[in-house]
Amino acid sequence: MKPAFAHFSLGQLNTRSFAPDPEQAILHCNEAIRLDPNYLDAFPYRFLITTYGQMAISMRPSGWRWNTSL
């Protein structure tokens, strides 16, 4: 597993747990971007978290899929 994907996954976990922590999720997304600037999934997810916070996670379109093949 690539380190950028691991941090991205931790960021998602921080927004989907019983005690969401958007600030920690943003830090993990930033780390994923720092480790791999071409890891494109981290950018829109960070945007959603910083713009809308926890509300954004539930607002994603139903057909939304993250590109996890990288």
PDB file of N, CA and C in Angstrom:
ATOM      1  N   MET A   1       0.843  -1.172   0.000  1.00  0.00           N
ATOM      2  CA  MET A   1       0.000   0.000   0.000  1.00  0.00           C
ATOM      3  C   MET A   1       0.893   1.242   0.000  1.00  0.00           C
ATOM      4  N   LYS A   2       0.517   2.202  -0.819  1.00  0.00           N
ATOM      5  CA  LYS A   2       1.286   3.435  -0.884  1.00  0.00           C
ATOM      6  C   LYS A   2       0.989   4.302   0.336  1.00  0.00           C
ATOM      7  N   PRO A   3       2.006   5.032   0.853  1.00  0.00           N
ATOM      8  CA  PRO A   3       1.788   5.887   2.024  1.00  0.00           C
ATOM      9  C   PRO A   3       0.718   6.954   1.792  1.00  0.00           C
ATOM     10  N   ALA A   4       0.639   7.492   0.585  1.00  0.00           N
ATOM     11  CA  ALA A   4      -0.370   8.527   0.315  1.00  0.00           C
ATOM     12  C   ALA A   4      -1.773   7.939   0.462  1.00  0.00           C
ATOM     13  N   PHE A   5      -1.979   6.728  -0.033  1.00  0.00           N
ATOM     14  CA  PHE A   5      -3.285   6.084   0.096  1.00  0.00           C
ATOM     15  C   PHE A   5      -3.611   5.818   1.560  1.00  0.00           C
ATOM     16  N   ALA A   6      -2.606   5.451   2.336  1.00  0.00           N
ATOM     17  CA  ALA A   6      -2.834   5.191   3.761  1.00  0.00           C
ATOM     18  C   ALA A   6      -3.311   6.452   4.464  1.00  0.00           C
ATOM     19  N   HIS A   7      -2.685   7.581   4.188  1.00  0.00           N
ATOM     20  CA  HIS A   7      -3.109   8.836   4.820  1.00  0.00           C
ATOM     21  C   HIS A   7      -4.478   9.271   4.316  1.00  0.00           C
ATOM     22  N   PHE A   8      -4.734   9.055   3.037  1.00  0.00           N
ATOM     23  CA  PHE A   8      -6.052   9.377   2.493  1.00  0.00           C
ATOM     24  C   PHE A   8      -7.119   8.538   3.186  1.00  0.00           C
ATOM     25  N   SER A   9      -6.838   7.268   3.388  1.00  0.00           N
ATOM     26  CA  SER A   9      -7.789   6.377   4.062  1.00  0.00           C
ATOM     27  C   SER A   9      -8.021   6.800   5.507  1.00  0.00           C
ATOM     28  N   LEU A  10      -6.951   7.223   6.186  1.00  0.00           N
ATOM     29  CA  LEU A  10      -7.114   7.715   7.554  1.00  0.00           C
ATOM     30  C   LEU A  10      -7.966   8.982   7.578  1.00  0.00           C
ATOM     31  N   GLY A  11      -7.792   9.829   6.571  1.00  0.00           N
ATOM     32  CA  GLY A  11      -8.627  11.024   6.475  1.00  0.00           C
ATOM     33  C   GLY A  11     -10.093  10.666   6.313  1.00  0.00           C
ATOM     34  N   GLN A  12     -10.379   9.679   5.479  1.00  0.00           N
ATOM     35  CA  GLN A  12     -11.764   9.232   5.321  1.00  0.00           C
ATOM     36  C   GLN A  12     -12.297   8.644   6.618  1.00  0.00           C
ATOM     37  N   LEU A  13     -11.482   7.873   7.291  1.00  0.00           N
ATOM     38  CA  LEU A  13     -11.903   7.277   8.556  1.00  0.00           C
ATOM     39  C   LEU A  13     -12.250   8.360   9.578  1.00  0.00           C
ATOM     40  N   ASN A  14     -11.482   9.440   9.596  1.00  0.00           N
ATOM     41  CA  ASN A  14     -11.732  10.515  10.544  1.00  0.00           C
ATOM     42  C   ASN A  14     -13.026  11.264  10.262  1.00  0.00           C
ATOM     43  N   THR A  15     -13.582  11.135   9.082  1.00  0.00           N
ATOM     44  CA  THR A  15     -14.851  11.799   8.798  1.00  0.00           C
ATOM     45  C   THR A  15     -16.023  10.838   8.899  1.00  0.00           C
ATOM     46  N   ARG A  16     -15.776   9.554   8.934  1.00  0.00           N
ATOM     47  CA  ARG A  16     -16.863   8.567   8.923  1.00  0.00           C
ATOM     48  C   ARG A  16     -17.010   7.806  10.232  1.00  0.00           C
ATOM     49  N   SER A  17     -16.250   8.147  11.228  1.00  0.00           N
ATOM     50  CA  SER A  17     -16.324   7.419  12.490  1.00  0.00           C
ATOM     51  C   SER A  17     -17.461   7.955  13.353  1.00  0.00           C
ATOM     52  N   PHE A  18     -17.630   7.353  14.516  1.00  0.00           N
ATOM     53  CA  PHE A  18     -18.680   7.796  15.434  1.00  0.00           C
ATOM     54  C   PHE A  18     -18.379   9.182  16.003  1.00  0.00           C
ATOM     55  N   ALA A  19     -17.116   9.542  16.064  1.00  0.00           N
ATOM     56  CA  ALA A  19     -16.707  10.862  16.543  1.00  0.00           C
ATOM     57  C   ALA A  19     -15.892  11.535  15.438  1.00  0.00           C
ATOM     58  N   PRO A  20     -16.555  12.127  14.426  1.00  0.00           N
ATOM     59  CA  PRO A  20     -15.828  12.715  13.299  1.00  0.00           C
ATOM     60  C   PRO A  20     -14.878  13.825  13.736  1.00  0.00           C
ATOM     61  N   ASP A  21     -13.747  13.882  13.080  1.00  0.00           N
ATOM     62  CA  ASP A  21     -12.745  14.904  13.373  1.00  0.00           C
ATOM     63  C   ASP A  21     -12.256  15.489  12.044  1.00  0.00           C
ATOM     64  N   PRO A  22     -12.982  16.478  11.497  1.00  0.00           N
ATOM     65  CA  PRO A  22     -12.602  17.044  10.195  1.00  0.00           C
ATOM     66  C   PRO A  22     -11.202  17.651  10.182  1.00  0.00           C
ATOM     67  N   GLU A  23     -10.771  18.236  11.299  1.00  0.00           N
ATOM     68  CA  GLU A  23      -9.426  18.827  11.340  1.00  0.00           C
ATOM     69  C   GLU A  23      -8.342  17.769  11.136  1.00  0.00           C
ATOM     70  N   GLN A  24      -8.518  16.634  11.792  1.00  0.00           N
ATOM     71  CA  GLN A  24      -7.560  15.537  11.623  1.00  0.00           C
ATOM     72  C   GLN A  24      -7.628  14.973  10.208  1.00  0.00           C
ATOM     73  N   ALA A  25      -8.811  14.909   9.650  1.00  0.00           N
ATOM     74  CA  ALA A  25      -8.973  14.420   8.277  1.00  0.00           C
ATOM     75  C   ALA A  25      -8.245  15.325   7.294  1.00  0.00           C
ATOM     76  N   ILE A  26      -8.319  16.635   7.510  1.00  0.00           N
ATOM     77  CA  ILE A  26      -7.619  17.581   6.637  1.00  0.00           C
ATOM     78  C   ILE A  26      -6.113  17.378   6.744  1.00  0.00           C
ATOM     79  N   LEU A  27      -5.620  17.157   7.960  1.00  0.00           N
ATOM     80  CA  LEU A  27      -4.181  16.910   8.138  1.00  0.00           C
ATOM     81  C   LEU A  27      -3.735  15.662   7.377  1.00  0.00           C
ATOM     82  N   HIS A  28      -4.544  14.608   7.416  1.00  0.00           N
ATOM     83  CA  HIS A  28      -4.190  13.382   6.692  1.00  0.00           C
ATOM     84  C   HIS A  28      -4.247  13.601   5.184  1.00  0.00           C
ATOM     85  N   CYS A  29      -5.229  14.358   4.704  1.00  0.00           N
ATOM     86  CA  CYS A  29      -5.284  14.663   3.268  1.00  0.00           C
ATOM     87  C   CYS A  29      -4.070  15.485   2.845  1.00  0.00           C
ATOM     88  N   ASN A  30      -3.690  16.449   3.666  1.00  0.00           N
ATOM     89  CA  ASN A  30      -2.504  17.250   3.359  1.00  0.00           C
ATOM     90  C   ASN A  30      -1.254  16.385   3.297  1.00  0.00           C
ATOM     91  N   GLU A  31      -1.150  15.429   4.216  1.00  0.00           N
ATOM     92  CA  GLU A  31       0.005  14.525   4.213  1.00  0.00           C
ATOM     93  C   GLU A  31      -0.003  13.636   2.973  1.00  0.00           C
ATOM     94  N   ALA A  32      -1.164  13.157   2.575  1.00  0.00           N
ATOM     95  CA  ALA A  32      -1.262  12.347   1.354  1.00  0.00           C
ATOM     96  C   ALA A  32      -0.815  13.153   0.145  1.00  0.00           C
ATOM     97  N   ILE A  33      -1.213  14.409   0.079  1.00  0.00           N
ATOM     98  CA  ILE A  33      -0.817  15.275  -1.038  1.00  0.00           C
ATOM     99  C   ILE A  33       0.670  15.569  -0.990  1.00  0.00           C
ATOM    100  N   ARG A  34       1.204  15.761   0.214  1.00  0.00           N
ATOM    101  CA  ARG A  34       2.639  16.018   0.341  1.00  0.00           C
ATOM    102  C   ARG A  34       3.445  14.808  -0.117  1.00  0.00           C
ATOM    103  N   LEU A  35       2.993  13.623   0.264  1.00  0.00           N
ATOM    104  CA  LEU A  35       3.713  12.405  -0.114  1.00  0.00           C
ATOM    105  C   LEU A  35       3.612  12.096  -1.600  1.00  0.00           C
ATOM    106  N   ASP A  36       2.467  12.388  -2.184  1.00  0.00           N
ATOM    107  CA  ASP A  36       2.257  12.118  -3.611  1.00  0.00           C
ATOM    108  C   ASP A  36       1.377  13.216  -4.203  1.00  0.00           C
ATOM    109  N   PRO A  37       1.990  14.281  -4.746  1.00  0.00           N
ATOM    110  CA  PRO A  37       1.216  15.398  -5.299  1.00  0.00           C
ATOM    111  C   PRO A  37       0.304  14.988  -6.460  1.00  0.00           C
ATOM    112  N   ASN A  38       0.513  13.820  -7.042  1.00  0.00           N
ATOM    113  CA  ASN A  38      -0.332  13.347  -8.134  1.00  0.00           C
ATOM    114  C   ASN A  38      -1.471  12.455  -7.649  1.00  0.00           C
ATOM    115  N   TYR A  39      -1.626  12.306  -6.363  1.00  0.00           N
ATOM    116  CA  TYR A  39      -2.704  11.487  -5.812  1.00  0.00           C
ATOM    117  C   TYR A  39      -3.982  12.323  -5.832  1.00  0.00           C
ATOM    118  N   LEU A  40      -4.743  12.158  -6.892  1.00  0.00           N
ATOM    119  CA  LEU A  40      -5.845  13.071  -7.188  1.00  0.00           C
ATOM    120  C   LEU A  40      -7.058  12.922  -6.282  1.00  0.00           C
ATOM    121  N   ASP A  41      -7.257  11.800  -5.628  1.00  0.00           N
ATOM    122  CA  ASP A  41      -8.420  11.641  -4.759  1.00  0.00           C
ATOM    123  C   ASP A  41      -8.362  12.540  -3.533  1.00  0.00           C
ATOM    124  N   ALA A  42      -7.168  12.849  -3.076  1.00  0.00           N
ATOM    125  CA  ALA A  42      -7.041  13.637  -1.851  1.00  0.00           C
ATOM    126  C   ALA A  42      -7.485  15.088  -2.044  1.00  0.00           C
ATOM    127  N   PHE A  43      -7.324  15.635  -3.231  1.00  0.00           N
ATOM    128  CA  PHE A  43      -7.658  17.042  -3.460  1.00  0.00           C
ATOM    129  C   PHE A  43      -9.152  17.334  -3.321  1.00  0.00           C
ATOM    130  N   PRO A  44     -10.033  16.607  -4.033  1.00  0.00           N
ATOM    131  CA  PRO A  44     -11.463  16.922  -3.872  1.00  0.00           C
ATOM    132  C   PRO A  44     -11.988  16.568  -2.485  1.00  0.00           C
ATOM    133  N   TYR A  45     -11.435  15.528  -1.872  1.00  0.00           N
ATOM    134  CA  TYR A  45     -11.892  15.165  -0.534  1.00  0.00           C
ATOM    135  C   TYR A  45     -11.513  16.253   0.461  1.00  0.00           C
ATOM    136  N   ARG A  46     -10.294  16.768   0.352  1.00  0.00           N
ATOM    137  CA  ARG A  46      -9.874  17.875   1.224  1.00  0.00           C
ATOM    138  C   ARG A  46     -10.747  19.093   0.982  1.00  0.00           C
ATOM    139  N   PHE A  47     -11.077  19.355  -0.275  1.00  0.00           N
ATOM    140  CA  PHE A  47     -11.958  20.480  -0.595  1.00  0.00           C
ATOM    141  C   PHE A  47     -13.320  20.311   0.072  1.00  0.00           C
ATOM    142  N   LEU A  48     -13.897  19.105  -0.023  1.00  0.00           N
ATOM    143  CA  LEU A  48     -15.194  18.858   0.598  1.00  0.00           C
ATOM    144  C   LEU A  48     -15.142  19.081   2.108  1.00  0.00           C
ATOM    145  N   ILE A  49     -14.099  18.582   2.734  1.00  0.00           N
ATOM    146  CA  ILE A  49     -13.997  18.705   4.190  1.00  0.00           C
ATOM    147  C   ILE A  49     -13.806  20.166   4.598  1.00  0.00           C
ATOM    148  N   THR A  50     -12.912  20.870   3.914  1.00  0.00           N
ATOM    149  CA  THR A  50     -12.648  22.256   4.305  1.00  0.00           C
ATOM    150  C   THR A  50     -13.815  23.172   3.982  1.00  0.00           C
ATOM    151  N   THR A  51     -14.572  22.870   2.947  1.00  0.00           N
ATOM    152  CA  THR A  51     -15.670  23.735   2.553  1.00  0.00           C
ATOM    153  C   THR A  51     -16.927  23.466   3.354  1.00  0.00           C
ATOM    154  N   TYR A  52     -17.262  22.208   3.521  1.00  0.00           N
ATOM    155  CA  TYR A  52     -18.538  21.863   4.129  1.00  0.00           C
ATOM    156  C   TYR A  52     -18.435  21.083   5.432  1.00  0.00           C
ATOM    157  N   GLY A  53     -17.246  20.665   5.802  1.00  0.00           N
ATOM    158  CA  GLY A  53     -17.097  19.893   7.027  1.00  0.00           C
ATOM    159  C   GLY A  53     -17.775  18.543   6.923  1.00  0.00           C
ATOM    160  N   GLN A  54     -18.283  18.061   8.002  1.00  0.00           N
ATOM    161  CA  GLN A  54     -18.890  16.732   8.044  1.00  0.00           C
ATOM    162  C   GLN A  54     -20.112  16.646   7.137  1.00  0.00           C
ATOM    163  N   MET A  55     -20.816  17.734   6.951  1.00  0.00           N
ATOM    164  CA  MET A  55     -22.009  17.726   6.114  1.00  0.00           C
ATOM    165  C   MET A  55     -21.692  17.268   4.687  1.00  0.00           C
ATOM    166  N   ALA A  56     -20.493  17.572   4.197  1.00  0.00           N
ATOM    167  CA  ALA A  56     -20.130  17.238   2.823  1.00  0.00           C
ATOM    168  C   ALA A  56     -20.063  15.736   2.587  1.00  0.00           C
ATOM    169  N   ILE A  57     -19.718  14.983   3.588  1.00  0.00           N
ATOM    170  CA  ILE A  57     -19.577  13.549   3.422  1.00  0.00           C
ATOM    171  C   ILE A  57     -20.922  12.933   3.054  1.00  0.00           C
ATOM    172  N   SER A  58     -21.984  13.409   3.666  1.00  0.00           N
ATOM    173  CA  SER A  58     -23.299  12.855   3.373  1.00  0.00           C
ATOM    174  C   SER A  58     -23.917  13.463   2.118  1.00  0.00           C
ATOM    175  N   MET A  59     -23.319  14.522   1.554  1.00  0.00           N
ATOM    176  CA  MET A  59     -23.877  15.187   0.383  1.00  0.00           C
ATOM    177  C   MET A  59     -23.330  14.652  -0.935  1.00  0.00           C
ATOM    178  N   ARG A  60     -22.395  13.718  -0.893  1.00  0.00           N
ATOM    179  CA  ARG A  60     -21.823  13.200  -2.138  1.00  0.00           C
ATOM    180  C   ARG A  60     -22.905  12.553  -2.982  1.00  0.00           C
ATOM    181  N   PRO A  61     -22.803  12.664  -4.307  1.00  0.00           N
ATOM    182  CA  PRO A  61     -23.771  11.976  -5.174  1.00  0.00           C
ATOM    183  C   PRO A  61     -23.732  10.471  -4.935  1.00  0.00           C
ATOM    184  N   SER A  62     -24.839   9.810  -5.113  1.00  0.00           N
ATOM    185  CA  SER A  62     -24.915   8.387  -4.792  1.00  0.00           C
ATOM    186  C   SER A  62     -23.995   7.536  -5.665  1.00  0.00           C
ATOM    187  N   GLY A  63     -23.708   7.960  -6.881  1.00  0.00           N
ATOM    188  CA  GLY A  63     -22.847   7.184  -7.766  1.00  0.00           C
ATOM    189  C   GLY A  63     -21.376   7.546  -7.660  1.00  0.00           C
ATOM    190  N   TRP A  64     -21.017   8.369  -6.712  1.00  0.00           N
ATOM    191  CA  TRP A  64     -19.637   8.865  -6.572  1.00  0.00           C
ATOM    192  C   TRP A  64     -18.708   7.719  -6.229  1.00  0.00           C
ATOM    193  N   ARG A  65     -17.613   7.610  -6.958  1.00  0.00           N
ATOM    194  CA  ARG A  65     -16.610   6.574  -6.692  1.00  0.00           C
ATOM    195  C   ARG A  65     -15.239   7.219  -6.621  1.00  0.00           C
ATOM    196  N   TRP A  66     -14.461   6.849  -5.610  1.00  0.00           N
ATOM    197  CA  TRP A  66     -13.086   7.322  -5.506  1.00  0.00           C
ATOM    198  C   TRP A  66     -12.216   6.438  -6.376  1.00  0.00           C
ATOM    199  N   ASN A  67     -11.204   7.016  -6.983  1.00  0.00           N
ATOM    200  CA  ASN A  67     -10.275   6.256  -7.806  1.00  0.00           C
ATOM    201  C   ASN A  67      -9.226   5.630  -6.900  1.00  0.00           C
ATOM    202  N   THR A  68      -9.401   4.385  -6.556  1.00  0.00           N
ATOM    203  CA  THR A  68      -8.467   3.711  -5.649  1.00  0.00           C
ATOM    204  C   THR A  68      -7.476   2.832  -6.406  1.00  0.00           C
ATOM    205  N   SER A  69      -7.411   2.960  -7.707  1.00  0.00           N
ATOM    206  CA  SER A  69      -6.505   2.113  -8.487  1.00  0.00           C
ATOM    207  C   SER A  69      -5.091   2.668  -8.556  1.00  0.00           C
ATOM    208  N   LEU A  70      -4.857   3.849  -8.003  1.00  0.00           N
ATOM    209  CA  LEU A  70      -3.516   4.452  -8.076  1.00  0.00           C
ATOM    210  C   LEU A  70      -2.585   3.866  -7.055  1.00  0.00           C
TER     211      LEU A  70
END
